[in-house]
Amino acid sequence: MSPMPRTDRLPVAARRRPSGLLAILILAGCASSGAEVGAQDLARCVPAERYLTESLGMVAETGPDMLDDWRTDRMLPGCRVTAAGSTALEMGDVAENLYAGLFATAWERTPDPQDAPNESSYRLRQGETDCLFSFYHNIVIGTPAEFRVMNTLVIPPGEKRYNVLAQCVPAMDSNG
């Protein structure tokens, strides 16, 4: 049974900023030019981006993505949200708050999620969208979007950077 995030510490809205791990390294390799991704695919990321920017005060960028889906063994058009934030909290607490807040805002585990909660990566569903949310810090995945959000982020003294990558595709049963 996977550990569930604590819900006694929901995220508190952070300062407004300019808008705009193995699993992470594997996910970074799944990105492509996104040439086959349409507007409806990008719209799948709106709830994830809204949560990260409005609830957590992160700097985020959404873009097209082609994702290697384990359920279908196909490349699926989708989107990704790359976000950067800062905190004075311990990173474990930040990750717990991230997921507790997602669960409190209508996101739920997908059937047969095939995620890595012990590595701070959860596959969640909201409506007709499945997103793999991955929390990370002290590493970079090296995408241009990641560098842009990190360069936009203003880190106050005494705080440190953390990142969230959300990759979203149409919701489907675990058997594809």
N, C-alpha and C. Protein backbone atom coordinates (compact mmCIF):
# COMPACT_ATOMS: atom_id res chain seq x y z
N MET A 1 0.84 -1.19 0.00
CA MET A 1 0.00 0.00 0.00
C MET A 1 0.88 1.24 0.00
N SER A 2 0.60 2.18 -0.84
CA SER A 2 1.38 3.40 -0.96
C SER A 2 1.06 4.35 0.18
N PRO A 3 2.08 5.05 0.71
CA PRO A 3 1.79 6.03 1.74
C PRO A 3 1.03 7.20 1.15
N MET A 4 0.07 7.69 1.86
CA MET A 4 -0.70 8.85 1.41
C MET A 4 -0.13 10.09 2.07
N PRO A 5 -0.12 11.21 1.39
CA PRO A 5 0.38 12.44 1.99
C PRO A 5 -0.48 12.84 3.18
N ARG A 6 0.15 13.50 4.12
CA ARG A 6 -0.61 14.00 5.26
C ARG A 6 -1.49 15.13 4.78
N THR A 7 -2.69 15.21 5.34
CA THR A 7 -3.60 16.27 4.94
C THR A 7 -3.74 17.34 6.02
N ASP A 8 -2.97 17.21 7.11
CA ASP A 8 -3.09 18.19 8.17
C ASP A 8 -2.31 19.47 7.86
N ARG A 9 -1.51 19.46 6.78
CA ARG A 9 -0.74 20.66 6.43
C ARG A 9 -1.00 20.99 4.98
N LEU A 10 -2.08 21.66 4.73
CA LEU A 10 -2.41 22.06 3.37
C LEU A 10 -1.55 23.25 2.98
N PRO A 11 -1.29 23.42 1.69
CA PRO A 11 -0.43 24.52 1.27
C PRO A 11 -1.06 25.87 1.57
N VAL A 12 -0.20 26.80 1.89
CA VAL A 12 -0.62 28.17 2.13
C VAL A 12 -0.17 28.97 0.92
N ALA A 13 -1.02 29.85 0.44
CA ALA A 13 -0.66 30.65 -0.73
C ALA A 13 0.65 31.37 -0.46
N ALA A 14 1.55 31.28 -1.38
CA ALA A 14 2.86 31.90 -1.25
C ALA A 14 2.84 33.29 -1.85
N ARG A 15 3.98 33.98 -1.74
CA ARG A 15 4.10 35.31 -2.35
C ARG A 15 3.82 35.21 -3.83
N ARG A 16 3.26 36.25 -4.39
CA ARG A 16 3.03 36.27 -5.84
C ARG A 16 4.36 36.50 -6.51
N ARG A 17 4.61 35.78 -7.54
CA ARG A 17 5.83 35.91 -8.32
C ARG A 17 5.42 36.17 -9.75
N PRO A 18 6.36 36.55 -10.58
CA PRO A 18 5.98 36.75 -11.99
C PRO A 18 5.39 35.46 -12.54
N SER A 19 4.31 35.60 -13.32
CA SER A 19 3.67 34.38 -13.84
C SER A 19 4.45 33.82 -15.01
N GLY A 20 3.94 33.62 -15.59
CA GLY A 20 4.54 33.13 -16.80
C GLY A 20 4.22 31.67 -17.04
N LEU A 21 16.62 11.41 -8.88
CA LEU A 21 15.40 10.92 -9.07
C LEU A 21 15.31 10.23 -10.42
N LEU A 22 15.05 9.41 -10.43
CA LEU A 22 15.01 8.53 -11.59
C LEU A 22 13.81 8.85 -12.45
N ALA A 23 12.65 8.96 -11.83
CA ALA A 23 11.43 9.23 -12.59
C ALA A 23 11.57 10.52 -13.37
N ILE A 24 12.16 11.56 -12.81
CA ILE A 24 12.31 12.84 -13.49
C ILE A 24 13.21 12.67 -14.71
N LEU A 25 14.30 11.95 -14.56
CA LEU A 25 15.21 11.78 -15.68
C LEU A 25 14.55 10.99 -16.81
N ILE A 26 13.76 9.98 -16.46
CA ILE A 26 13.04 9.22 -17.48
C ILE A 26 12.01 10.10 -18.15
N LEU A 27 11.28 10.88 -17.36
CA LEU A 27 10.25 11.76 -17.92
C LEU A 27 10.86 12.79 -18.86
N ALA A 28 12.01 13.33 -18.51
CA ALA A 28 12.63 14.33 -19.35
C ALA A 28 12.96 13.76 -20.72
N GLY A 29 13.28 12.50 -20.77
CA GLY A 29 13.60 11.88 -22.05
C GLY A 29 12.40 11.65 -22.93
N CYS A 30 11.19 11.78 -22.38
CA CYS A 30 9.98 11.53 -23.15
C CYS A 30 9.53 12.73 -23.96
N ALA A 31 10.10 13.89 -23.72
CA ALA A 31 9.64 15.09 -24.42
C ALA A 31 10.05 15.05 -25.88
N SER A 32 9.20 15.63 -26.70
CA SER A 32 9.54 15.77 -28.11
C SER A 32 9.15 17.16 -28.54
N SER A 33 9.17 17.41 -29.82
CA SER A 33 8.85 18.73 -30.32
C SER A 33 7.40 19.10 -30.08
N GLY A 34 6.54 18.12 -29.88
CA GLY A 34 5.15 18.40 -29.62
C GLY A 34 4.39 18.82 -30.85
N ALA A 35 4.91 18.52 -32.03
CA ALA A 35 4.29 18.97 -33.27
C ALA A 35 2.88 18.41 -33.45
N GLU A 36 2.57 17.28 -32.82
CA GLU A 36 1.26 16.67 -32.98
C GLU A 36 0.30 17.05 -31.85
N VAL A 37 0.70 17.97 -31.00
CA VAL A 37 -0.10 18.36 -29.85
C VAL A 37 -0.97 19.54 -30.23
N GLY A 38 -2.29 19.43 -29.94
CA GLY A 38 -3.23 20.49 -30.27
C GLY A 38 -3.63 21.31 -29.06
N ALA A 39 -4.47 22.31 -29.29
CA ALA A 39 -4.93 23.19 -28.22
C ALA A 39 -5.65 22.43 -27.12
N GLN A 40 -6.45 21.41 -27.47
CA GLN A 40 -7.16 20.67 -26.43
C GLN A 40 -6.19 19.91 -25.54
N ASP A 41 -5.05 19.48 -26.10
CA ASP A 41 -4.05 18.80 -25.30
C ASP A 41 -3.40 19.78 -24.32
N LEU A 42 -3.12 21.00 -24.78
CA LEU A 42 -2.55 22.02 -23.90
C LEU A 42 -3.53 22.40 -22.79
N ALA A 43 -4.82 22.41 -23.11
CA ALA A 43 -5.84 22.78 -22.12
C ALA A 43 -5.86 21.79 -20.95
N ARG A 44 -5.39 20.57 -21.17
CA ARG A 44 -5.35 19.58 -20.09
C ARG A 44 -4.47 20.04 -18.93
N CYS A 45 -3.51 20.88 -19.20
CA CYS A 45 -2.58 21.33 -18.17
C CYS A 45 -3.07 22.54 -17.38
N VAL A 46 -4.16 23.15 -17.81
CA VAL A 46 -4.63 24.37 -17.14
C VAL A 46 -4.89 24.15 -15.64
N PRO A 47 -5.62 23.11 -15.23
CA PRO A 47 -5.83 22.93 -13.78
C PRO A 47 -4.53 22.72 -12.99
N ALA A 48 -3.59 21.99 -13.54
CA ALA A 48 -2.32 21.76 -12.86
C ALA A 48 -1.54 23.07 -12.74
N GLU A 49 -1.46 23.82 -13.84
CA GLU A 49 -0.73 25.09 -13.80
C GLU A 49 -1.41 26.07 -12.84
N ARG A 50 -2.73 26.12 -12.86
CA ARG A 50 -3.47 27.02 -11.97
C ARG A 50 -3.17 26.69 -10.50
N TYR A 51 -3.17 25.41 -10.16
CA TYR A 51 -2.87 25.03 -8.77
C TYR A 51 -1.45 25.46 -8.39
N LEU A 52 -0.49 25.16 -9.25
CA LEU A 52 0.90 25.47 -8.93
C LEU A 52 1.15 26.97 -8.80
N THR A 53 0.54 27.76 -9.67
CA THR A 53 0.78 29.20 -9.62
C THR A 53 -0.09 29.92 -8.59
N GLU A 54 -1.38 29.60 -8.56
CA GLU A 54 -2.28 30.33 -7.68
C GLU A 54 -2.25 29.84 -6.24
N SER A 55 -2.14 28.56 -6.02
CA SER A 55 -2.13 28.04 -4.65
C SER A 55 -0.74 28.02 -4.04
N LEU A 56 0.27 27.76 -4.85
CA LEU A 56 1.63 27.65 -4.31
C LEU A 56 2.53 28.83 -4.66
N GLY A 57 2.07 29.72 -5.52
CA GLY A 57 2.88 30.88 -5.88
C GLY A 57 4.10 30.56 -6.72
N MET A 58 4.07 29.44 -7.43
CA MET A 58 5.22 29.04 -8.24
C MET A 58 5.22 29.78 -9.58
N VAL A 59 6.37 29.85 -10.20
CA VAL A 59 6.51 30.33 -11.57
C VAL A 59 6.35 29.10 -12.45
N ALA A 60 5.50 29.16 -13.47
CA ALA A 60 5.24 27.97 -14.27
C ALA A 60 5.14 28.30 -15.75
N GLU A 61 5.44 27.31 -16.56
CA GLU A 61 5.31 27.40 -18.01
C GLU A 61 4.69 26.11 -18.51
N THR A 62 3.68 26.24 -19.37
CA THR A 62 3.03 25.07 -19.96
C THR A 62 3.40 24.98 -21.42
N GLY A 63 3.64 23.77 -21.88
CA GLY A 63 3.98 23.56 -23.28
C GLY A 63 3.54 22.19 -23.75
N PRO A 64 3.61 21.98 -25.06
CA PRO A 64 3.22 20.68 -25.63
C PRO A 64 4.23 19.60 -25.27
N ASP A 65 3.75 18.37 -25.30
CA ASP A 65 4.62 17.24 -25.01
C ASP A 65 4.04 16.00 -25.67
N MET A 66 4.89 15.09 -26.06
CA MET A 66 4.48 13.76 -26.51
C MET A 66 4.99 12.81 -25.44
N LEU A 67 4.08 12.05 -24.83
CA LEU A 67 4.43 11.24 -23.68
C LEU A 67 4.35 9.76 -24.01
N ASP A 68 5.35 9.03 -23.58
CA ASP A 68 5.40 7.58 -23.75
C ASP A 68 4.50 6.97 -22.69
N ASP A 69 3.31 6.49 -23.08
CA ASP A 69 2.33 6.00 -22.13
C ASP A 69 2.49 4.50 -21.91
N TRP A 70 2.77 4.11 -20.68
CA TRP A 70 2.99 2.69 -20.33
C TRP A 70 1.72 1.87 -20.50
N ARG A 71 0.54 2.52 -20.41
CA ARG A 71 -0.71 1.78 -20.48
C ARG A 71 -1.01 1.29 -21.89
N THR A 72 -0.54 2.06 -22.89
CA THR A 72 -0.88 1.75 -24.28
C THR A 72 0.34 1.40 -25.12
N ASP A 73 1.54 1.62 -24.58
CA ASP A 73 2.79 1.47 -25.34
C ASP A 73 2.78 2.35 -26.58
N ARG A 74 2.16 3.53 -26.46
CA ARG A 74 2.11 4.49 -27.56
C ARG A 74 2.61 5.84 -27.08
N MET A 75 3.00 6.67 -28.03
CA MET A 75 3.30 8.07 -27.73
C MET A 75 1.98 8.83 -27.81
N LEU A 76 1.61 9.49 -26.73
CA LEU A 76 0.35 10.23 -26.67
C LEU A 76 0.60 11.73 -26.66
N PRO A 77 -0.21 12.48 -27.40
CA PRO A 77 -0.10 13.94 -27.32
C PRO A 77 -0.60 14.39 -25.96
N GLY A 78 0.09 15.33 -25.39
CA GLY A 78 -0.29 15.86 -24.09
C GLY A 78 0.39 17.18 -23.85
N CYS A 79 0.63 17.48 -22.59
CA CYS A 79 1.28 18.74 -22.24
C CYS A 79 2.09 18.53 -20.97
N ARG A 80 2.93 19.51 -20.71
CA ARG A 80 3.71 19.48 -19.47
C ARG A 80 3.71 20.86 -18.85
N VAL A 81 3.67 20.88 -17.53
CA VAL A 81 3.83 22.11 -16.77
C VAL A 81 5.16 22.00 -16.04
N THR A 82 6.02 22.95 -16.28
CA THR A 82 7.31 23.01 -15.61
C THR A 82 7.23 24.18 -14.65
N ALA A 83 7.48 23.94 -13.35
CA ALA A 83 7.30 25.00 -12.36
C ALA A 83 8.48 25.05 -11.40
N ALA A 84 8.73 26.25 -10.89
CA ALA A 84 9.78 26.47 -9.90
C ALA A 84 9.21 27.32 -8.78
N GLY A 85 9.57 26.97 -7.56
CA GLY A 85 9.15 27.73 -6.40
C GLY A 85 10.28 27.77 -5.39
N SER A 86 10.06 28.53 -4.31
CA SER A 86 11.06 28.57 -3.25
C SER A 86 10.38 28.46 -1.91
N THR A 87 11.15 28.00 -0.94
CA THR A 87 10.59 27.77 0.39
C THR A 87 11.69 27.78 1.43
N ALA A 88 11.29 28.07 2.66
CA ALA A 88 12.19 27.92 3.80
C ALA A 88 11.93 26.59 4.51
N LEU A 89 10.86 25.90 4.12
CA LEU A 89 10.51 24.62 4.73
C LEU A 89 11.45 23.51 4.27
N GLU A 90 11.45 22.41 5.02
CA GLU A 90 12.17 21.22 4.60
C GLU A 90 11.50 20.67 3.34
N MET A 91 12.27 20.11 2.44
CA MET A 91 11.73 19.65 1.17
C MET A 91 10.69 18.53 1.34
N GLY A 92 10.86 17.67 2.31
CA GLY A 92 9.86 16.64 2.56
C GLY A 92 8.51 17.24 2.92
N ASP A 93 8.54 18.32 3.70
CA ASP A 93 7.30 19.01 4.07
C ASP A 93 6.67 19.68 2.86
N VAL A 94 7.49 20.25 1.99
CA VAL A 94 6.97 20.90 0.78
C VAL A 94 6.29 19.87 -0.11
N ALA A 95 6.92 18.72 -0.28
CA ALA A 95 6.32 17.67 -1.11
C ALA A 95 5.00 17.19 -0.51
N GLU A 96 4.97 16.99 0.80
CA GLU A 96 3.72 16.56 1.45
C GLU A 96 2.63 17.60 1.25
N ASN A 97 2.98 18.88 1.40
CA ASN A 97 2.00 19.95 1.21
C ASN A 97 1.51 20.01 -0.23
N LEU A 98 2.41 19.81 -1.18
CA LEU A 98 2.03 19.80 -2.59
C LEU A 98 0.94 18.77 -2.84
N TYR A 99 1.19 17.54 -2.44
CA TYR A 99 0.25 16.46 -2.72
C TYR A 99 -1.01 16.56 -1.87
N ALA A 100 -0.90 16.99 -0.62
CA ALA A 100 -2.08 17.17 0.21
C ALA A 100 -3.00 18.22 -0.42
N GLY A 101 -2.41 19.28 -0.93
CA GLY A 101 -3.21 20.32 -1.58
C GLY A 101 -3.86 19.83 -2.86
N LEU A 102 -3.16 19.02 -3.64
CA LEU A 102 -3.75 18.46 -4.85
C LEU A 102 -4.94 17.57 -4.50
N PHE A 103 -4.78 16.72 -3.49
CA PHE A 103 -5.89 15.85 -3.08
C PHE A 103 -7.06 16.68 -2.56
N ALA A 104 -6.78 17.81 -1.93
CA ALA A 104 -7.84 18.66 -1.39
C ALA A 104 -8.56 19.46 -2.47
N THR A 105 -8.00 19.49 -3.68
CA THR A 105 -8.60 20.28 -4.76
C THR A 105 -9.07 19.38 -5.90
N ALA A 106 -9.63 18.23 -5.57
CA ALA A 106 -10.32 17.33 -6.51
C ALA A 106 -9.41 16.46 -7.36
N TRP A 107 -8.13 16.40 -7.09
CA TRP A 107 -7.27 15.44 -7.78
C TRP A 107 -7.33 14.14 -6.98
N GLU A 108 -7.29 13.00 -7.66
CA GLU A 108 -7.31 11.70 -6.99
C GLU A 108 -6.36 10.76 -7.70
N ARG A 109 -5.94 9.71 -7.00
CA ARG A 109 -5.05 8.72 -7.61
C ARG A 109 -5.77 8.08 -8.79
N THR A 110 -5.03 7.79 -9.84
CA THR A 110 -5.59 7.09 -10.98
C THR A 110 -5.68 5.60 -10.66
N PRO A 111 -6.56 4.87 -11.35
CA PRO A 111 -6.57 3.41 -11.16
C PRO A 111 -5.21 2.85 -11.60
N ASP A 112 -4.64 1.94 -10.83
CA ASP A 112 -3.35 1.33 -11.17
C ASP A 112 -2.34 2.40 -11.59
N PRO A 113 -1.99 3.32 -10.68
CA PRO A 113 -1.24 4.51 -11.08
C PRO A 113 0.18 4.29 -11.60
N GLN A 114 0.85 3.21 -11.23
CA GLN A 114 2.23 2.98 -11.69
C GLN A 114 3.09 4.23 -11.49
N ASP A 115 3.02 4.81 -10.29
CA ASP A 115 3.83 5.97 -10.00
C ASP A 115 4.85 5.61 -8.92
N ALA A 116 5.48 6.58 -8.35
CA ALA A 116 6.53 6.33 -7.37
C ALA A 116 6.38 7.29 -6.19
N PRO A 117 5.34 7.09 -5.34
CA PRO A 117 5.11 8.03 -4.26
C PRO A 117 6.27 8.15 -3.27
N ASN A 118 7.03 7.09 -3.09
CA ASN A 118 8.19 7.18 -2.20
C ASN A 118 9.30 8.03 -2.80
N GLU A 119 9.21 8.28 -4.09
CA GLU A 119 10.16 9.17 -4.77
C GLU A 119 9.49 10.48 -5.14
N SER A 120 8.34 10.76 -4.51
CA SER A 120 7.60 12.01 -4.67
C SER A 120 7.07 12.21 -6.08
N SER A 121 6.49 11.16 -6.63
CA SER A 121 5.90 11.23 -7.95
C SER A 121 4.55 10.50 -7.91
N TYR A 122 3.47 11.24 -8.17
CA TYR A 122 2.12 10.68 -8.12
C TYR A 122 1.41 10.88 -9.45
N ARG A 123 0.71 9.85 -9.91
CA ARG A 123 -0.14 9.95 -11.10
C ARG A 123 -1.56 10.22 -10.58
N LEU A 124 -2.07 11.41 -10.91
CA LEU A 124 -3.37 11.85 -10.40
C LEU A 124 -4.33 12.15 -11.54
N ARG A 125 -5.61 12.09 -11.21
CA ARG A 125 -6.66 12.34 -12.20
C ARG A 125 -7.59 13.44 -11.70
N GLN A 126 -7.95 14.31 -12.64
CA GLN A 126 -9.01 15.28 -12.40
C GLN A 126 -9.84 15.33 -13.67
N GLY A 127 -11.11 14.97 -13.56
CA GLY A 127 -11.98 14.94 -14.73
C GLY A 127 -11.48 13.96 -15.76
N GLU A 128 -11.25 14.43 -16.96
CA GLU A 128 -10.82 13.58 -18.07
C GLU A 128 -9.31 13.64 -18.32
N THR A 129 -8.55 14.05 -17.30
CA THR A 129 -7.11 14.23 -17.47
C THR A 129 -6.34 13.47 -16.40
N ASP A 130 -5.30 12.76 -16.82
CA ASP A 130 -4.34 12.13 -15.92
C ASP A 130 -3.04 12.90 -16.00
N CYS A 131 -2.49 13.26 -14.85
CA CYS A 131 -1.20 13.96 -14.81
C CYS A 131 -0.25 13.24 -13.87
N LEU A 132 0.98 13.11 -14.29
CA LEU A 132 2.03 12.61 -13.42
C LEU A 132 2.73 13.84 -12.84
N PHE A 133 2.56 14.05 -11.53
CA PHE A 133 3.18 15.17 -10.82
C PHE A 133 4.47 14.65 -10.20
N SER A 134 5.58 15.32 -10.47
CA SER A 134 6.87 14.92 -9.91
C SER A 134 7.51 16.12 -9.23
N PHE A 135 7.81 15.96 -7.97
CA PHE A 135 8.47 16.98 -7.15
C PHE A 135 9.97 16.68 -7.15
N TYR A 136 10.78 17.71 -7.32
CA TYR A 136 12.22 17.48 -7.24
C TYR A 136 12.95 18.75 -6.80
N HIS A 137 14.18 18.56 -6.33
CA HIS A 137 15.04 19.67 -5.92
C HIS A 137 16.49 19.20 -6.01
N ASN A 138 17.39 20.15 -6.03
CA ASN A 138 18.83 19.87 -6.10
C ASN A 138 19.26 19.16 -7.37
N ILE A 139 18.40 19.09 -8.38
CA ILE A 139 18.78 18.56 -9.68
C ILE A 139 18.12 19.43 -10.73
N VAL A 140 18.56 19.28 -11.95
CA VAL A 140 17.88 19.92 -13.07
C VAL A 140 17.68 18.85 -14.14
N ILE A 141 16.57 18.97 -14.87
CA ILE A 141 16.34 18.03 -15.95
C ILE A 141 16.83 18.59 -17.27
N GLY A 142 17.12 19.89 -17.29
CA GLY A 142 17.80 20.48 -18.44
C GLY A 142 16.94 20.93 -19.60
N THR A 143 15.64 21.07 -19.40
CA THR A 143 14.79 21.54 -20.50
C THR A 143 14.85 23.07 -20.56
N PRO A 144 14.64 23.63 -21.75
CA PRO A 144 14.60 25.10 -21.84
C PRO A 144 13.53 25.71 -20.93
N ALA A 145 12.37 25.07 -20.82
CA ALA A 145 11.30 25.60 -19.95
C ALA A 145 11.77 25.63 -18.49
N GLU A 146 12.48 24.61 -18.08
CA GLU A 146 12.97 24.58 -16.70
C GLU A 146 13.92 25.74 -16.44
N PHE A 147 14.83 25.99 -17.37
CA PHE A 147 15.77 27.10 -17.19
C PHE A 147 15.04 28.44 -17.18
N ARG A 148 13.99 28.58 -18.01
CA ARG A 148 13.24 29.84 -18.02
C ARG A 148 12.53 30.07 -16.69
N VAL A 149 11.85 29.05 -16.15
CA VAL A 149 11.14 29.28 -14.89
C VAL A 149 12.11 29.48 -13.73
N MET A 150 13.24 28.79 -13.75
CA MET A 150 14.23 28.98 -12.68
C MET A 150 14.83 30.38 -12.76
N ASN A 151 15.05 30.89 -13.97
CA ASN A 151 15.61 32.24 -14.12
C ASN A 151 14.60 33.32 -13.77
N THR A 152 13.32 33.03 -13.88
CA THR A 152 12.27 34.00 -13.53
C THR A 152 12.02 34.03 -12.03
N LEU A 153 12.21 32.90 -11.37
CA LEU A 153 11.94 32.78 -9.94
C LEU A 153 12.86 33.70 -9.13
N VAL A 154 12.27 34.44 -8.21
CA VAL A 154 13.03 35.25 -7.27
C VAL A 154 13.06 34.49 -5.95
N ILE A 155 14.26 34.11 -5.53
CA ILE A 155 14.40 33.33 -4.30
C ILE A 155 14.84 34.26 -3.17
N PRO A 156 13.97 34.48 -2.18
CA PRO A 156 14.33 35.34 -1.05
C PRO A 156 15.45 34.71 -0.21
N PRO A 157 16.18 35.55 0.52
CA PRO A 157 17.22 35.01 1.42
C PRO A 157 16.62 34.00 2.38
N GLY A 158 17.35 32.92 2.60
CA GLY A 158 16.92 31.89 3.53
C GLY A 158 16.00 30.83 2.92
N GLU A 159 15.69 30.99 1.65
CA GLU A 159 14.83 29.99 0.98
C GLU A 159 15.65 29.25 -0.07
N LYS A 160 15.11 28.12 -0.49
CA LYS A 160 15.78 27.33 -1.53
C LYS A 160 14.76 26.92 -2.59
N ARG A 161 15.28 26.62 -3.76
CA ARG A 161 14.44 26.30 -4.92
C ARG A 161 13.98 24.85 -4.88
N TYR A 162 12.76 24.65 -5.40
CA TYR A 162 12.26 23.31 -5.70
C TYR A 162 11.48 23.39 -7.00
N ASN A 163 11.25 22.25 -7.61
CA ASN A 163 10.55 22.22 -8.90
C ASN A 163 9.45 21.17 -8.88
N VAL A 164 8.48 21.37 -9.75
CA VAL A 164 7.43 20.40 -10.00
C VAL A 164 7.29 20.26 -11.51
N LEU A 165 7.23 19.03 -11.97
CA LEU A 165 6.95 18.74 -13.37
C LEU A 165 5.64 17.96 -13.40
N ALA A 166 4.67 18.47 -14.16
CA ALA A 166 3.40 17.75 -14.33
C ALA A 166 3.26 17.43 -15.82
N GLN A 167 3.06 16.17 -16.13
CA GLN A 167 2.88 15.73 -17.51
C GLN A 167 1.49 15.13 -17.62
N CYS A 168 0.67 15.68 -18.53
CA CYS A 168 -0.75 15.34 -18.58
C CYS A 168 -1.16 14.76 -19.93
N VAL A 169 -2.04 13.76 -19.87
CA VAL A 169 -2.60 13.09 -21.05
C VAL A 169 -4.08 12.81 -20.79
N PRO A 170 -4.81 12.39 -21.82
CA PRO A 170 -6.22 12.03 -21.59
C PRO A 170 -6.35 10.89 -20.59
N ALA A 171 -7.36 10.98 -19.73
CA ALA A 171 -7.61 9.91 -18.76
C ALA A 171 -8.06 8.66 -19.49
N MET A 172 -7.62 7.52 -18.99
CA MET A 172 -8.03 6.24 -19.56
C MET A 172 -7.88 5.15 -18.51
N ASP A 173 -8.51 4.03 -18.78
CA ASP A 173 -8.38 2.89 -17.88
C ASP A 173 -6.94 2.39 -17.91
N SER A 174 -6.55 1.70 -16.86
CA SER A 174 -5.18 1.20 -16.79
C SER A 174 -4.88 0.16 -17.86
N ASN A 175 -5.91 -0.45 -18.42
CA ASN A 175 -5.67 -1.45 -19.49
C ASN A 175 -5.64 -0.81 -20.86
N GLY A 176 -5.68 0.55 -20.92
CA GLY A 176 -5.56 1.26 -22.18
C GLY A 176 -6.83 1.32 -22.91
